[in-house]
Protein backbone atom coordinates (compact mmCIF):
# COMPACT_ATOMS: atom_id res chain seq x y z
CA UNK A 1 -91.56 -9.30 86.59
CA UNK A 2 -91.39 -7.04 83.56
CA UNK A 3 -92.51 -3.44 83.94
CA UNK A 4 -94.42 -2.93 80.67
CA UNK A 5 -95.42 -5.41 77.97
CA UNK A 6 -97.28 -4.41 74.79
CA UNK A 7 -99.83 -6.90 73.46
CA UNK A 8 -101.19 -6.92 69.90
CA UNK A 9 -104.16 -9.11 68.95
CA UNK A 10 -103.89 -10.23 65.34
CA UNK A 11 -105.42 -12.22 62.54
CA UNK A 12 -104.16 -11.61 59.00
CA UNK A 13 -102.54 -8.25 59.77
CA UNK A 14 -99.50 -8.55 57.50
CA UNK A 15 -100.14 -5.08 56.07
CA UNK A 16 -99.88 -3.41 59.49
CA UNK A 17 -97.97 -5.56 61.94
CA UNK A 18 -94.38 -4.49 61.20
CA UNK A 19 -95.07 -0.76 61.53
CA UNK A 20 -97.08 -1.33 64.68
CA UNK A 21 -94.30 -3.29 66.36
CA UNK A 22 -91.74 -0.72 65.21
CA UNK A 23 -93.61 1.92 67.24
CA UNK A 24 -93.28 -0.25 70.38
CA UNK A 25 -89.82 -1.84 70.40
CA UNK A 26 -87.02 -0.21 72.34
CA UNK A 27 -89.12 1.36 75.09
CA UNK A 28 -91.39 -1.51 76.19
CA UNK A 29 -89.90 -4.55 77.91
CA UNK A 30 -91.50 -6.90 75.39
CA UNK A 31 -93.98 -6.97 72.52
CA UNK A 32 -96.26 -10.00 72.34
CA UNK A 33 -98.38 -10.76 69.31
CA UNK A 34 -101.45 -12.79 70.26
CA UNK A 35 -102.41 -14.40 66.98
CA UNK A 36 -105.64 -16.27 66.27
CA UNK A 37 -104.81 -18.34 63.22
CA UNK A 38 -103.45 -15.94 60.62
CA UNK A 39 -103.19 -17.45 57.16
CA UNK A 40 -100.92 -14.70 55.85
CA UNK A 41 -97.39 -13.76 56.93
CA UNK A 42 -98.41 -11.99 60.16
CA UNK A 43 -96.61 -14.37 62.58
CA UNK A 44 -93.40 -14.42 60.55
CA UNK A 45 -93.34 -10.65 60.12
CA UNK A 46 -94.04 -10.15 63.81
CA UNK A 47 -91.15 -12.40 64.76
CA UNK A 48 -88.80 -10.62 62.36
CA UNK A 49 -89.84 -7.24 63.80
CA UNK A 50 -88.83 -8.34 67.29
CA UNK A 51 -92.06 -9.61 68.85
CA UNK A 52 -92.91 -12.84 70.62
CA UNK A 53 -95.74 -14.74 68.93
CA UNK A 54 -98.37 -16.77 70.78
CA UNK A 55 -101.08 -18.71 68.96
CA UNK A 56 -104.55 -18.99 70.51
CA UNK A 57 -107.81 -19.90 68.73
CA UNK A 58 -110.22 -16.98 68.67
CA UNK A 59 -113.39 -17.15 70.75
CA UNK A 60 -113.99 -13.49 71.57
CA UNK A 61 -112.02 -10.25 71.89
CA UNK A 62 -112.62 -10.15 75.63
CA UNK A 63 -111.41 -13.74 76.05
CA UNK A 64 -108.30 -13.08 73.96
CA UNK A 65 -107.34 -10.07 76.05
CA UNK A 66 -108.08 -11.87 79.30
CA UNK A 67 -105.93 -14.82 78.23
CA UNK A 68 -103.07 -12.41 77.59
CA UNK A 69 -103.48 -10.83 81.02
CA UNK A 70 -103.52 -14.24 82.70
CA UNK A 71 -100.36 -15.45 80.98
CA UNK A 72 -98.07 -12.44 81.21
CA UNK A 73 -95.66 -11.76 84.05
CA UNK A 74 -95.79 -7.97 83.80
CA UNK A 75 -96.83 -5.13 86.07
CA UNK A 76 -98.38 -3.09 83.24
CA UNK A 77 -99.91 -4.14 79.92
CA UNK A 78 -100.44 -1.88 76.93
CA UNK A 79 -102.99 -3.28 74.48
CA UNK A 80 -102.50 -2.09 70.91
CA UNK A 81 -104.28 -3.07 67.70
CA UNK A 82 -102.20 -3.86 64.65
CA UNK A 83 -103.61 -0.87 62.75
CA UNK A 84 -102.62 1.53 65.55
CA UNK A 85 -99.34 3.37 66.06
CA UNK A 86 -97.78 4.82 69.20
CA UNK A 87 -96.35 8.23 68.39
CA UNK A 88 -93.10 9.44 69.98
CA UNK A 89 -95.14 11.93 72.04
CA UNK A 90 -97.39 9.18 73.40
CA UNK A 91 -94.37 6.96 74.06
CA UNK A 92 -92.81 9.70 76.17
CA UNK A 93 -96.06 10.35 78.05
CA UNK A 94 -96.51 6.66 78.88
CA UNK A 95 -92.90 6.39 80.05
CA UNK A 96 -93.25 9.45 82.28
CA UNK A 97 -96.62 8.29 83.62
CA UNK A 98 -95.34 4.86 84.65
CA UNK A 99 -92.39 6.41 86.45
CA UNK A 100 -94.91 7.46 89.12
CA UNK A 101 -98.34 6.01 88.30
CA UNK A 102 -101.34 7.54 90.03
CA UNK A 103 -103.99 5.19 88.60
CA UNK A 104 -104.60 1.51 87.83
CA UNK A 105 -105.71 2.17 84.27
CA UNK A 106 -105.22 4.92 81.70
CA UNK A 107 -107.56 5.91 78.87
CA UNK A 108 -105.76 6.84 75.65
CA UNK A 109 -107.42 9.03 72.98
CA UNK A 110 -107.32 7.96 69.34
CA UNK A 111 -107.11 9.82 66.05
CA UNK A 112 -109.13 7.67 63.65
CA UNK A 113 -108.41 7.66 59.92
CA UNK A 114 -111.29 6.08 57.98
CA UNK A 115 -110.90 5.49 54.24
CA UNK A 116 -108.26 8.20 54.00
CA UNK A 117 -109.98 10.86 56.11
CA UNK A 118 -109.14 11.74 59.71
CA UNK A 119 -112.40 12.03 61.61
CA UNK A 120 -113.35 14.92 63.88
CA UNK A 121 -116.79 13.79 65.08
CA UNK A 122 -119.20 10.87 65.11
CA UNK A 123 -117.57 9.33 68.18
CA UNK A 124 -114.28 8.87 66.34
CA UNK A 125 -112.44 11.58 68.27
CA UNK A 126 -111.22 11.64 70.97
CA UNK A 127 -112.47 8.02 71.11
CA UNK A 128 -110.83 7.20 74.47
CA UNK A 129 -109.77 3.57 74.98
CA UNK A 130 -108.75 2.00 78.30
CA UNK A 131 -105.59 0.33 77.02
CA UNK A 132 -102.81 0.93 79.57
CA UNK A 133 -103.69 -1.17 82.60
CA UNK A 134 -102.06 -2.51 85.72
CA UNK A 135 -102.32 -6.26 85.24
CA UNK A 136 -103.04 -7.20 88.85
CA UNK A 137 -106.77 -7.06 89.50
CA UNK A 138 -107.74 -6.26 85.90
CA UNK A 139 -110.36 -8.38 84.17
CA UNK A 140 -112.33 -8.23 80.95
CA UNK A 141 -116.11 -8.56 81.14
CA UNK A 142 -116.92 -11.88 79.48
CA UNK A 143 -120.40 -10.74 78.46
CA UNK A 144 -118.93 -8.06 76.20
CA UNK A 145 -117.50 -10.26 73.47
CA UNK A 146 -117.00 -7.30 71.12
CA UNK A 147 -116.21 -3.68 72.04
CA UNK A 148 -114.85 -5.30 75.14
CA UNK A 149 -114.85 -3.71 78.60
CA UNK A 150 -112.06 -4.04 81.15
CA UNK A 151 -112.46 -3.46 84.88
CA UNK A 152 -109.37 -2.37 86.80
CA UNK A 153 -108.70 -2.53 90.52
CA UNK A 154 -108.25 1.14 91.32
CA UNK A 155 -108.73 4.65 89.94
CA UNK A 156 -108.60 5.50 86.24
CA UNK A 157 -107.08 8.50 84.48
CA UNK A 158 -106.64 9.91 80.98
CA UNK A 159 -103.53 10.47 78.91
CA UNK A 160 -103.28 13.49 76.62
CA UNK A 161 -101.38 12.18 73.59
CA UNK A 162 -103.39 10.09 71.09
CA UNK A 163 -102.83 6.82 69.32
CA UNK A 164 -102.94 6.93 65.54
CA UNK A 165 -105.58 4.50 64.30
CA UNK A 166 -105.66 3.64 60.60
CA UNK A 167 -109.13 2.26 61.07
CA UNK A 168 -110.34 1.19 57.62
CA UNK A 169 -108.37 1.47 54.40
CA UNK A 170 -111.38 0.87 52.14
CA UNK A 171 -115.15 0.74 52.26
CA UNK A 172 -114.99 -2.96 51.48
CA UNK A 173 -112.93 -3.54 54.62
CA UNK A 174 -115.36 -1.34 56.60
CA UNK A 175 -118.39 -3.38 55.53
CA UNK A 176 -116.70 -6.71 56.22
CA UNK A 177 -115.76 -5.64 59.76
CA UNK A 178 -119.18 -4.17 60.54
CA UNK A 179 -120.93 -7.38 59.46
CA UNK A 180 -118.89 -9.21 62.10
CA UNK A 181 -119.57 -6.59 64.77
CA UNK A 182 -123.31 -6.68 64.03
CA UNK A 183 -123.34 -10.45 64.47
CA UNK A 184 -121.60 -10.13 67.84
CA UNK A 185 -124.15 -7.51 68.92
CA UNK A 186 -126.98 -9.82 67.92
CA UNK A 187 -125.48 -12.61 70.01
CA UNK A 188 -125.26 -10.28 73.01
CA UNK A 189 -128.92 -9.34 72.59
CA UNK A 190 -129.86 -13.01 72.35
CA UNK A 191 -127.91 -13.81 75.50
CA UNK A 192 -129.84 -11.09 77.34
CA UNK A 193 -133.10 -12.63 76.24
CA UNK A 194 -134.07 -9.67 74.06
CA UNK A 195 -136.53 -10.41 71.29
CA UNK A 196 -137.09 -7.93 68.46
CA UNK A 197 -140.36 -6.07 68.08
CA UNK A 198 -141.52 -4.23 64.96
CA UNK A 199 -140.73 -0.79 66.37
CA UNK A 200 -137.07 -1.81 66.95
CA UNK A 201 -136.47 -1.80 63.19
CA UNK A 202 -137.36 1.90 63.04
CA UNK A 203 -136.47 3.38 66.42
CA UNK A 204 -133.09 1.70 66.95
CA UNK A 205 -131.59 2.90 63.63
CA UNK A 206 -132.99 6.40 64.23
CA UNK A 207 -131.46 6.51 67.72
CA UNK A 208 -128.09 5.35 66.46
CA UNK A 209 -128.13 7.86 63.60
CA UNK A 210 -129.06 10.70 65.97
CA UNK A 211 -126.31 9.66 68.38
CA UNK A 212 -123.63 9.47 65.70
CA UNK A 213 -124.57 12.41 63.54
CA UNK A 214 -125.95 14.92 66.06
CA UNK A 215 -124.97 14.03 69.63
CA UNK A 216 -121.41 12.96 68.70
CA UNK A 217 -120.96 15.60 66.00
CA UNK A 218 -120.71 13.47 62.88
CA UNK A 219 -121.95 16.47 60.90
CA UNK A 220 -118.51 18.04 61.39
CA UNK A 221 -117.10 15.56 58.86
CA UNK A 222 -119.43 16.59 56.03
CA UNK A 223 -120.64 13.94 53.60
CA UNK A 224 -118.09 11.47 54.99
CA UNK A 225 -119.64 11.85 58.44
CA UNK A 226 -123.18 11.53 57.05
CA UNK A 227 -122.28 8.34 55.21
CA UNK A 228 -120.72 6.79 58.30
CA UNK A 229 -123.67 7.77 60.52
CA UNK A 230 -126.12 6.14 58.10
CA UNK A 231 -124.03 2.99 57.76
CA UNK A 232 -123.52 2.60 61.50
CA UNK A 233 -127.25 3.16 62.10
CA UNK A 234 -127.82 0.24 59.73
CA UNK A 235 -125.20 -2.07 61.23
CA UNK A 236 -125.88 -1.32 64.91
CA UNK A 237 -129.51 -0.27 64.87
CA UNK A 238 -131.07 -2.59 62.28
CA UNK A 239 -128.92 -5.62 61.40
CA UNK A 240 -128.62 -7.15 64.93
CA UNK A 241 -132.39 -7.09 65.37
CA UNK A 242 -132.90 -8.45 61.86
CA UNK A 243 -130.56 -11.36 62.60
CA UNK A 244 -132.51 -12.08 65.78
CA UNK A 245 -135.81 -11.86 63.94
CA UNK A 246 -134.68 -14.41 61.33
CA UNK A 247 -133.24 -16.72 63.99
CA UNK A 248 -129.69 -16.46 62.66
CA UNK A 249 -128.21 -16.17 66.14
CA UNK A 250 -128.88 -17.90 69.43
CA UNK A 251 -127.88 -17.28 73.03
CA UNK A 252 -124.40 -18.53 73.90
């Protein structure tokens, strides 16, 4: 059994995959790219950078991660996105932590860079992610198809050093990704039997804006933070309910 395997979920990540793998090789036992039908050079670049490549059709983020857990023969798994980088400081902290682990899962903070600006508020820092997990007993919650949740068999702890996350390189990329996330959220609402009411189209966006801009400190990022809070209020507070209202999604 391998001690630590890094897993990267990909689809059309040619712009990021080589640098991501470069931050992982040499100190993990293996890097596995879990690809879901890339039409660019992602698989070839991953192979050239030293990773194993496994193809699996995409059904949901939770299912992709669970499939990786089920197939790997490793004690620990580190999940990394292609647009993230492990810094030397985080590498050293992970190595030291696994020399004498005191938990079954470790939350890693992230420094998010969105359209060229590193964020300080709005939920984008410290933005802890449960990514370093002991494989035995870990499972992803199937009902959370997006913004997936993993349950580990044992205590959890936090690391200090952050991942670097080059989240969105352009506003066009941001909008394309949020449209997909909003659709997933609508499907989750449909599965729960939730039906939109007129007040949802006002109160839900207001709640999301208040959460992002005030409660999570989006105001600290000036106009950039205001723009993001307004856009996320639209995509998470309005669009899912609008899709339900128009019957564009059904329970799965």
